Amino acid sequence: MNVFLREMRATRKSLIIWSISMIVMVAGGMNKYEAISASGQSMNELVSQMPKSLQTIMGMGAFDLSKAIGYYGLLFLYLVLMAGIHALTLGATIIVKEERDKTAEFLLAKPISRSGIVTAKLMAACVNLVVLNGITMLTSIQMVSYYSKGATQTHDIIVLMIGMFFLQLIFGALGAGIAAIYKHPKTAVSIGTFILLAMLILSLMIDINSKIEVLKYLTPFQYYTAKQILASRELDSVFVTLSVVEIVLLLLATYVSFNKRDMNV
């Protein structure tokens, strides 16, 4: 039995739904840009008069809304949030669904080690993340290019999507690690979602209050922000290194916990 193909078949419906959701989010979000583009400068002035806390919560403060790529930067936080939730849920459910579906004994009876099972499951999850990221990237390039009147923004969007992919891997590995410890899918997803939202709130607090900026290393939402990427047009090597370390440690925790757990159902 090919566990990888089994998992790909099991997750294809969810992948299709999430992919359509991301397409709708990008297309719908950029369609709103057309309504404000004619008065983009006045919109910028209006935003500048808002309290900084409100600008942060709405994600408006750092972008030139008179440009399509600036408006996309505003939209990027919501894309990252959706992608993070998808990755975390996928990572958690793909590990613990055997207990949920009462198929653990059947799977473990097959001639494949527990490590092999985890590897196949994680590979299937990674393919799902790549596909979702790729669809989001292609949709974003098309929509931003259309509203930029032909001006190319491909490089900026590709860098943003690479950053989002690192976040997907972090939250996917986080979900898998939690699920390897907790047998119940709802418990693993709930804990993971709580952690994700706590990191998001911390990120917003850091944007509001620069005095706690040192805490940015504790939340992945600060690693690949649109305002930083669009300004420098590259990823921060420190955050890339930190992301890789976090992903590796979470995956190691997943393997160790899964190999030690009692999977009798």
C-alpha atoms as a PDB file:
ATOM      1  CA  MET A   1       0.000   0.000   0.000  1.00  0.00           C
ATOM      2  CA  ASN A   2       1.375   3.376  -1.020  1.00  0.00           C
ATOM      3  CA  VAL A   3       0.699   5.640   1.977  1.00  0.00           C
ATOM      4  CA  PHE A   4       1.685   8.757   0.028  1.00  0.00           C
ATOM      5  CA  LEU A   5      -0.878   8.169  -2.734  1.00  0.00           C
ATOM      6  CA  ARG A   6      -3.469   7.189  -0.142  1.00  0.00           C
ATOM      7  CA  GLU A   7      -3.004  10.505   1.634  1.00  0.00           C
ATOM      8  CA  MET A   8      -3.048  12.478  -1.602  1.00  0.00           C
ATOM      9  CA  ARG A   9      -6.404  10.950  -2.509  1.00  0.00           C
ATOM     10  CA  ALA A  10      -7.742  11.613   0.985  1.00  0.00           C
ATOM     11  CA  THR A  11      -6.751  15.303   0.931  1.00  0.00           C
ATOM     12  CA  ARG A  12      -7.617  16.223  -2.664  1.00  0.00           C
ATOM     13  CA  LYS A  13     -11.134  17.479  -1.885  1.00  0.00           C
ATOM     14  CA  SER A  14      -9.850  19.721   0.895  1.00  0.00           C
ATOM     15  CA  LEU A  15      -7.060  20.987  -1.370  1.00  0.00           C
ATOM     16  CA  ILE A  16      -9.536  21.915  -4.105  1.00  0.00           C
ATOM     17  CA  ILE A  17     -11.747  23.803  -1.640  1.00  0.00           C
ATOM     18  CA  TRP A  18      -8.821  25.718  -0.120  1.00  0.00           C
ATOM     19  CA  SER A  19      -7.396  26.504  -3.570  1.00  0.00           C
ATOM     20  CA  ILE A  20     -10.710  27.963  -4.728  1.00  0.00           C
ATOM     21  CA  SER A  21     -10.903  29.961  -1.492  1.00  0.00           C
ATOM     22  CA  MET A  22      -7.455  31.469  -2.086  1.00  0.00           C
ATOM     23  CA  ILE A  23      -8.337  32.340  -5.686  1.00  0.00           C
ATOM     24  CA  VAL A  24     -11.540  34.047  -4.535  1.00  0.00           C
ATOM     25  CA  MET A  25      -9.633  35.899  -1.782  1.00  0.00           C
ATOM     26  CA  VAL A  26      -7.015  37.258  -4.206  1.00  0.00           C
ATOM     27  CA  ALA A  27      -9.437  38.060  -7.016  1.00  0.00           C
ATOM     28  CA  GLY A  28     -12.056  39.569  -4.733  1.00  0.00           C
ATOM     29  CA  GLY A  29      -9.494  41.574  -2.781  1.00  0.00           C
ATOM     30  CA  MET A  30      -7.845  43.011  -5.876  1.00  0.00           C
ATOM     31  CA  ASN A  31     -11.214  43.844  -7.438  1.00  0.00           C
ATOM     32  CA  LYS A  32     -11.732  46.291  -4.588  1.00  0.00           C
ATOM     33  CA  TYR A  33      -8.507  48.020  -5.616  1.00  0.00           C
ATOM     34  CA  GLU A  34     -10.148  49.264  -8.812  1.00  0.00           C
ATOM     35  CA  ALA A  35     -12.795  51.086  -6.769  1.00  0.00           C
ATOM     36  CA  ILE A  36     -10.199  53.106  -4.844  1.00  0.00           C
ATOM     37  CA  SER A  37      -7.421  53.412  -7.433  1.00  0.00           C
ATOM     38  CA  ALA A  38      -8.847  56.590  -8.956  1.00  0.00           C
ATOM     39  CA  SER A  39      -8.545  58.354  -5.597  1.00  0.00           C
ATOM     40  CA  GLY A  40      -5.505  56.449  -4.342  1.00  0.00           C
ATOM     41  CA  GLN A  41      -3.657  59.489  -3.012  1.00  0.00           C
ATOM     42  CA  SER A  42      -6.634  60.730  -1.005  1.00  0.00           C
ATOM     43  CA  MET A  43      -7.043  57.199   0.337  1.00  0.00           C
ATOM     44  CA  ASN A  44      -3.431  57.265   1.536  1.00  0.00           C
ATOM     45  CA  GLU A  45      -4.032  60.581   3.257  1.00  0.00           C
ATOM     46  CA  LEU A  46      -7.146  59.225   4.931  1.00  0.00           C
ATOM     47  CA  VAL A  47      -5.266  56.193   6.203  1.00  0.00           C
ATOM     48  CA  SER A  48      -2.422  58.349   7.534  1.00  0.00           C
ATOM     49  CA  GLN A  49      -4.891  60.210   9.737  1.00  0.00           C
ATOM     50  CA  MET A  50      -6.089  57.018  11.404  1.00  0.00           C
ATOM     51  CA  PRO A  51      -4.662  55.965  14.808  1.00  0.00           C
ATOM     52  CA  LYS A  52      -1.612  53.746  14.423  1.00  0.00           C
ATOM     53  CA  SER A  53      -3.315  50.921  16.276  1.00  0.00           C
ATOM     54  CA  LEU A  54      -6.217  50.963  13.805  1.00  0.00           C
ATOM     55  CA  GLN A  55      -3.801  51.076  10.860  1.00  0.00           C
ATOM     56  CA  THR A  56      -2.032  48.027  12.277  1.00  0.00           C
ATOM     57  CA  ILE A  57      -5.195  46.035  12.884  1.00  0.00           C
ATOM     58  CA  MET A  58      -6.444  46.802   9.368  1.00  0.00           C
ATOM     59  CA  GLY A  59      -2.963  46.331   7.874  1.00  0.00           C
ATOM     60  CA  MET A  60      -2.966  49.680   6.092  1.00  0.00           C
ATOM     61  CA  GLY A  61      -0.163  51.752   7.513  1.00  0.00           C
ATOM     62  CA  ALA A  62       2.850  50.642   5.501  1.00  0.00           C
ATOM     63  CA  PHE A  63       1.554  50.537   1.919  1.00  0.00           C
ATOM     64  CA  ASP A  64       0.941  52.920  -0.951  1.00  0.00           C
ATOM     65  CA  LEU A  65      -2.676  52.090  -1.742  1.00  0.00           C
ATOM     66  CA  SER A  66      -2.490  54.034  -5.006  1.00  0.00           C
ATOM     67  CA  LYS A  67      -0.443  51.137  -6.451  1.00  0.00           C
ATOM     68  CA  ALA A  68      -1.695  47.621  -7.093  1.00  0.00           C
ATOM     69  CA  ILE A  69       1.302  45.977  -5.406  1.00  0.00           C
ATOM     70  CA  GLY A  70       0.774  48.204  -2.368  1.00  0.00           C
ATOM     71  CA  TYR A  71      -2.835  47.125  -2.113  1.00  0.00           C
ATOM     72  CA  TYR A  72      -1.734  43.517  -2.530  1.00  0.00           C
ATOM     73  CA  GLY A  73       0.628  44.020   0.405  1.00  0.00           C
ATOM     74  CA  LEU A  74      -2.430  44.944   2.445  1.00  0.00           C
ATOM     75  CA  LEU A  75      -4.117  41.735   1.308  1.00  0.00           C
ATOM     76  CA  PHE A  76      -1.066  39.560   1.975  1.00  0.00           C
ATOM     77  CA  LEU A  77      -1.615  39.295   5.747  1.00  0.00           C
ATOM     78  CA  TYR A  78      -5.012  37.702   5.172  1.00  0.00           C
ATOM     79  CA  LEU A  79      -3.561  35.277   2.617  1.00  0.00           C
ATOM     80  CA  VAL A  80      -0.859  34.270   5.088  1.00  0.00           C
ATOM     81  CA  LEU A  81      -3.447  33.748   7.817  1.00  0.00           C
ATOM     82  CA  MET A  82      -5.549  31.502   5.580  1.00  0.00           C
ATOM     83  CA  ALA A  83      -2.499  29.567   4.396  1.00  0.00           C
ATOM     84  CA  GLY A  84      -1.292  29.144   7.991  1.00  0.00           C
ATOM     85  CA  ILE A  85      -4.645  27.800   9.175  1.00  0.00           C
ATOM     86  CA  HIS A  86      -4.759  25.380   6.239  1.00  0.00           C
ATOM     87  CA  ALA A  87      -1.218  24.154   6.881  1.00  0.00           C
ATOM     88  CA  LEU A  88      -1.766  23.694  10.618  1.00  0.00           C
ATOM     89  CA  THR A  89      -5.065  21.841  10.128  1.00  0.00           C
ATOM     90  CA  LEU A  90      -3.568  19.657   7.411  1.00  0.00           C
ATOM     91  CA  GLY A  91      -0.477  18.822   9.469  1.00  0.00           C
ATOM     92  CA  ALA A  92      -2.596  17.867  12.481  1.00  0.00           C
ATOM     93  CA  THR A  93      -5.288  15.840  10.747  1.00  0.00           C
ATOM     94  CA  ILE A  94      -2.985  13.946   8.430  1.00  0.00           C
ATOM     95  CA  ILE A  95      -1.111  12.548  11.441  1.00  0.00           C
ATOM     96  CA  VAL A  96      -4.027  11.664  13.740  1.00  0.00           C
ATOM     97  CA  LYS A  97      -6.780  10.742  11.304  1.00  0.00           C
ATOM     98  CA  GLU A  98      -5.978   7.046  11.712  1.00  0.00           C
ATOM     99  CA  GLU A  99      -7.326   7.200  15.273  1.00  0.00           C
ATOM    100  CA  ARG A 100     -10.304   9.233  14.103  1.00  0.00           C
ATOM    101  CA  ASP A 101     -11.138   6.828  11.277  1.00  0.00           C
ATOM    102  CA  LYS A 102     -10.267   3.702  13.334  1.00  0.00           C
ATOM    103  CA  THR A 103      -7.709   2.569  10.730  1.00  0.00           C
ATOM    104  CA  ALA A 104      -4.537   2.690  12.859  1.00  0.00           C
ATOM    105  CA  GLU A 105      -4.297  -1.072  13.410  1.00  0.00           C
ATOM    106  CA  PHE A 106      -4.860  -1.722   9.700  1.00  0.00           C
ATOM    107  CA  LEU A 107      -2.133   0.726   8.711  1.00  0.00           C
ATOM    108  CA  LEU A 108       0.407  -0.520  11.262  1.00  0.00           C
ATOM    109  CA  ALA A 109      -0.168  -4.109  10.141  1.00  0.00           C
ATOM    110  CA  LYS A 110       1.309  -3.237   6.757  1.00  0.00           C
ATOM    111  CA  PRO A 111       5.041  -3.822   6.030  1.00  0.00           C
ATOM    112  CA  ILE A 112       6.073  -0.228   6.668  1.00  0.00           C
ATOM    113  CA  SER A 113       7.737   1.320   9.694  1.00  0.00           C
ATOM    114  CA  ARG A 114       6.220   4.090  11.764  1.00  0.00           C
ATOM    115  CA  SER A 115       8.899   6.461  10.490  1.00  0.00           C
ATOM    116  CA  GLY A 116       7.990   5.468   6.948  1.00  0.00           C
ATOM    117  CA  ILE A 117       4.342   6.218   7.645  1.00  0.00           C
ATOM    118  CA  VAL A 118       5.174   9.668   9.026  1.00  0.00           C
ATOM    119  CA  THR A 119       7.480  10.417   6.090  1.00  0.00           C
ATOM    120  CA  ALA A 120       4.816   9.491   3.530  1.00  0.00           C
ATOM    121  CA  LYS A 121       2.185  11.539   5.338  1.00  0.00           C
ATOM    122  CA  LEU A 122       4.444  14.581   5.625  1.00  0.00           C
ATOM    123  CA  MET A 123       5.420  14.321   1.947  1.00  0.00           C
ATOM    124  CA  ALA A 124       1.734  14.320   0.986  1.00  0.00           C
ATOM    125  CA  ALA A 125       1.142  17.332   3.232  1.00  0.00           C
ATOM    126  CA  CYS A 126       4.100  19.156   1.671  1.00  0.00           C
ATOM    127  CA  VAL A 127       2.770  18.548  -1.846  1.00  0.00           C
ATOM    128  CA  ASN A 128      -0.568  20.009  -0.740  1.00  0.00           C
ATOM    129  CA  LEU A 129       1.215  23.110   0.571  1.00  0.00           C
ATOM    130  CA  VAL A 130       3.221  23.502  -2.645  1.00  0.00           C
ATOM    131  CA  VAL A 131       0.094  23.248  -4.800  1.00  0.00           C
ATOM    132  CA  LEU A 132      -1.854  25.764  -2.695  1.00  0.00           C
ATOM    133  CA  ASN A 133       1.101  28.161  -2.682  1.00  0.00           C
ATOM    134  CA  GLY A 134       1.601  27.797  -6.429  1.00  0.00           C
ATOM    135  CA  ILE A 135      -2.060  28.474  -7.213  1.00  0.00           C
ATOM    136  CA  THR A 136      -2.033  31.522  -4.942  1.00  0.00           C
ATOM    137  CA  MET A 137       1.147  32.799  -6.587  1.00  0.00           C
ATOM    138  CA  LEU A 138      -0.122  32.408 -10.147  1.00  0.00           C
ATOM    139  CA  THR A 139      -3.436  34.058  -9.275  1.00  0.00           C
ATOM    140  CA  SER A 140      -1.647  36.906  -7.513  1.00  0.00           C
ATOM    141  CA  ILE A 141       0.728  37.553 -10.412  1.00  0.00           C
ATOM    142  CA  GLN A 142      -2.157  37.611 -12.869  1.00  0.00           C
ATOM    143  CA  MET A 143      -4.383  39.893 -10.783  1.00  0.00           C
ATOM    144  CA  VAL A 144      -1.678  42.367  -9.722  1.00  0.00           C
ATOM    145  CA  SER A 145      -0.327  42.544 -13.276  1.00  0.00           C
ATOM    146  CA  TYR A 146      -3.822  43.257 -14.603  1.00  0.00           C
ATOM    147  CA  TYR A 147      -4.465  46.106 -12.182  1.00  0.00           C
ATOM    148  CA  SER A 148      -0.928  47.455 -12.608  1.00  0.00           C
ATOM    149  CA  LYS A 149      -1.780  48.119 -16.263  1.00  0.00           C
ATOM    150  CA  GLY A 150       0.908  45.743 -17.489  1.00  0.00           C
ATOM    151  CA  ALA A 151       3.660  46.762 -15.054  1.00  0.00           C
ATOM    152  CA  THR A 152       5.449  43.633 -13.881  1.00  0.00           C
ATOM    153  CA  GLN A 153       5.461  42.821 -10.158  1.00  0.00           C
ATOM    154  CA  THR A 154       6.370  39.168 -10.587  1.00  0.00           C
ATOM    155  CA  HIS A 155       9.597  39.297  -8.573  1.00  0.00           C
ATOM    156  CA  ASP A 156       7.955  40.884  -5.537  1.00  0.00           C
ATOM    157  CA  ILE A 157       5.086  38.398  -5.544  1.00  0.00           C
ATOM    158  CA  ILE A 158       7.419  35.403  -5.916  1.00  0.00           C
ATOM    159  CA  VAL A 159       9.461  36.558  -2.908  1.00  0.00           C
ATOM    160  CA  LEU A 160       6.250  37.079  -0.918  1.00  0.00           C
ATOM    161  CA  MET A 161       5.077  33.575  -1.823  1.00  0.00           C
ATOM    162  CA  ILE A 162       8.418  32.042  -0.810  1.00  0.00           C
ATOM    163  CA  GLY A 163       8.014  33.748   2.541  1.00  0.00           C
ATOM    164  CA  MET A 164       4.461  32.436   2.814  1.00  0.00           C
ATOM    165  CA  PHE A 165       5.696  28.924   1.999  1.00  0.00           C
ATOM    166  CA  PHE A 166       8.127  29.044   4.913  1.00  0.00           C
ATOM    167  CA  LEU A 167       5.202  30.016   7.139  1.00  0.00           C
ATOM    168  CA  GLN A 168       3.136  27.163   5.727  1.00  0.00           C
ATOM    169  CA  LEU A 169       5.926  24.720   6.549  1.00  0.00           C
ATOM    170  CA  ILE A 170       6.281  26.078  10.090  1.00  0.00           C
ATOM    171  CA  PHE A 171       2.581  25.810  10.877  1.00  0.00           C
ATOM    172  CA  GLY A 172       2.256  22.490   9.075  1.00  0.00           C
ATOM    173  CA  ALA A 173       5.104  21.050  11.147  1.00  0.00           C
ATOM    174  CA  LEU A 174       3.585  22.613  14.275  1.00  0.00           C
ATOM    175  CA  GLY A 175       0.263  20.907  13.588  1.00  0.00           C
ATOM    176  CA  ALA A 176       1.979  17.579  12.946  1.00  0.00           C
ATOM    177  CA  GLY A 177       4.056  17.882  16.114  1.00  0.00           C
ATOM    178  CA  ILE A 178       1.028  18.614  18.292  1.00  0.00           C
ATOM    179  CA  ALA A 179      -0.946  15.814  16.654  1.00  0.00           C
ATOM    180  CA  ALA A 180       1.859  13.327  17.314  1.00  0.00           C
ATOM    181  CA  ILE A 181       1.415  14.048  21.031  1.00  0.00           C
ATOM    182  CA  TYR A 182      -2.371  14.293  21.191  1.00  0.00           C
ATOM    183  CA  LYS A 183      -4.469  11.513  19.656  1.00  0.00           C
ATOM    184  CA  HIS A 184      -7.682  13.470  19.190  1.00  0.00           C
ATOM    185  CA  PRO A 185      -7.827  15.550  15.998  1.00  0.00           C
ATOM    186  CA  LYS A 186     -10.047  18.242  17.524  1.00  0.00           C
ATOM    187  CA  THR A 187      -7.671  18.671  20.470  1.00  0.00           C
ATOM    188  CA  ALA A 188      -4.604  18.957  18.237  1.00  0.00           C
ATOM    189  CA  VAL A 189      -6.271  21.433  15.881  1.00  0.00           C
ATOM    190  CA  SER A 190      -7.661  23.503  18.761  1.00  0.00           C
ATOM    191  CA  ILE A 191      -4.288  23.784  20.494  1.00  0.00           C
ATOM    192  CA  GLY A 192      -2.546  24.584  17.220  1.00  0.00           C
ATOM    193  CA  THR A 193      -5.130  27.227  16.290  1.00  0.00           C
ATOM    194  CA  PHE A 194      -4.776  28.845  19.728  1.00  0.00           C
ATOM    195  CA  ILE A 195      -1.001  29.051  19.269  1.00  0.00           C
ATOM    196  CA  LEU A 196      -1.388  30.469  15.752  1.00  0.00           C
ATOM    197  CA  LEU A 197      -3.808  33.173  16.898  1.00  0.00           C
ATOM    198  CA  ALA A 198      -1.591  34.003  19.891  1.00  0.00           C
ATOM    199  CA  MET A 199       1.341  34.497  17.489  1.00  0.00           C
ATOM    200  CA  LEU A 200      -0.811  36.694  15.245  1.00  0.00           C
ATOM    201  CA  ILE A 201      -1.897  38.878  18.183  1.00  0.00           C
ATOM    202  CA  LEU A 202       1.724  39.160  19.342  1.00  0.00           C
ATOM    203  CA  SER A 203       2.725  40.239  15.828  1.00  0.00           C
ATOM    204  CA  LEU A 204       0.069  42.965  15.823  1.00  0.00           C
ATOM    205  CA  MET A 205       1.190  44.134  19.264  1.00  0.00           C
ATOM    206  CA  ILE A 206       4.780  44.390  18.038  1.00  0.00           C
ATOM    207  CA  ASP A 207       3.658  46.544  15.107  1.00  0.00           C
ATOM    208  CA  ILE A 208       1.756  48.797  17.485  1.00  0.00           C
ATOM    209  CA  ASN A 209       4.495  49.061  20.132  1.00  0.00           C
ATOM    210  CA  SER A 210       8.084  49.104  18.841  1.00  0.00           C
ATOM    211  CA  LYS A 211       9.376  48.732  22.417  1.00  0.00           C
ATOM    212  CA  ILE A 212       8.593  45.009  22.326  1.00  0.00           C
ATOM    213  CA  GLU A 213      10.134  44.473  18.888  1.00  0.00           C
ATOM    214  CA  VAL A 214      12.619  42.020  20.412  1.00  0.00           C
ATOM    215  CA  LEU A 215       9.718  39.569  20.696  1.00  0.00           C
ATOM    216  CA  LYS A 216       9.462  39.357  16.906  1.00  0.00           C
ATOM    217  CA  TYR A 217      11.585  36.201  16.952  1.00  0.00           C
ATOM    218  CA  LEU A 218       8.759  34.440  18.801  1.00  0.00           C
ATOM    219  CA  THR A 219       6.143  34.852  16.083  1.00  0.00           C
ATOM    220  CA  PRO A 220       6.549  33.659  12.473  1.00  0.00           C
ATOM    221  CA  PHE A 221       4.090  36.338  11.361  1.00  0.00           C
ATOM    222  CA  GLN A 222       6.941  38.826  11.853  1.00  0.00           C
ATOM    223  CA  TYR A 223       9.419  36.847   9.765  1.00  0.00           C
ATOM    224  CA  TYR A 224       7.988  37.586   6.326  1.00  0.00           C
ATOM    225  CA  THR A 225       5.875  40.723   6.458  1.00  0.00           C
ATOM    226  CA  ALA A 226       4.788  42.350   3.217  1.00  0.00           C
ATOM    227  CA  LYS A 227       6.119  45.753   4.269  1.00  0.00           C
ATOM    228  CA  GLN A 228       9.619  44.332   4.861  1.00  0.00           C
ATOM    229  CA  ILE A 229       9.690  42.208   1.717  1.00  0.00           C
ATOM    230  CA  LEU A 230       8.303  44.906  -0.582  1.00  0.00           C
ATOM    231  CA  ALA A 231      10.831  47.390   0.815  1.00  0.00           C
ATOM    232  CA  SER A 232      13.930  45.169   0.541  1.00  0.00           C
ATOM    233  CA  ARG A 233      12.659  42.856  -2.243  1.00  0.00           C
ATOM    234  CA  GLU A 234      14.284  39.890  -0.510  1.00  0.00           C
ATOM    235  CA  LEU A 235      13.889  37.626   2.509  1.00  0.00           C
ATOM    236  CA  ASP A 236      15.760  38.274   5.743  1.00  0.00           C
ATOM    237  CA  SER A 237      18.467  35.590   6.029  1.00  0.00           C
ATOM    238  CA  VAL A 238      18.162  35.538   9.833  1.00  0.00           C
ATOM    239  CA  PHE A 239      14.479  34.702   9.676  1.00  0.00           C
ATOM    240  CA  VAL A 240      15.044  32.129   6.916  1.00  0.00           C
ATOM    241  CA  THR A 241      17.637  30.383   9.097  1.00  0.00           C
ATOM    242  CA  LEU A 242      15.351  30.564  12.122  1.00  0.00           C
ATOM    243  CA  SER A 243      12.487  29.132  10.064  1.00  0.00           C
ATOM    244  CA  VAL A 244      14.573  26.167   8.921  1.00  0.00           C
ATOM    245  CA  VAL A 245      15.678  25.432  12.485  1.00  0.00           C
ATOM    246  CA  GLU A 246      12.084  25.591  13.759  1.00  0.00           C
ATOM    247  CA  ILE A 247      10.807  23.315  10.981  1.00  0.00           C
ATOM    248  CA  VAL A 248      13.545  20.734  11.601  1.00  0.00           C
ATOM    249  CA  LEU A 249      12.959  20.709  15.368  1.00  0.00           C
ATOM    250  CA  LEU A 250       9.195  20.374  14.962  1.00  0.00           C
ATOM    251  CA  LEU A 251       9.604  17.513  12.494  1.00  0.00           C
ATOM    252  CA  LEU A 252      12.036  15.731  14.810  1.00  0.00           C
ATOM    253  CA  ALA A 253       9.506  16.096  17.624  1.00  0.00           C
ATOM    254  CA  THR A 254       6.856  14.636  15.329  1.00  0.00           C
ATOM    255  CA  TYR A 255       8.926  11.541  14.527  1.00  0.00           C
ATOM    256  CA  VAL A 256       9.951  10.936  18.128  1.00  0.00           C
ATOM    257  CA  SER A 257       6.446  11.398  19.541  1.00  0.00           C
ATOM    258  CA  PHE A 258       4.769   9.311  16.826  1.00  0.00           C
ATOM    259  CA  ASN A 259       7.190   6.424  17.310  1.00  0.00           C
ATOM    260  CA  LYS A 260       6.579   6.409  21.076  1.00  0.00           C
ATOM    261  CA  ARG A 261       2.807   6.778  21.111  1.00  0.00           C
ATOM    262  CA  ASP A 262       0.295   4.002  21.750  1.00  0.00           C
ATOM    263  CA  MET A 263      -1.856   3.710  18.651  1.00  0.00           C
ATOM    264  CA  ASN A 264      -4.180   0.941  19.801  1.00  0.00           C
ATOM    265  CA  VAL A 265      -7.799   1.855  19.018  1.00  0.00           C
END
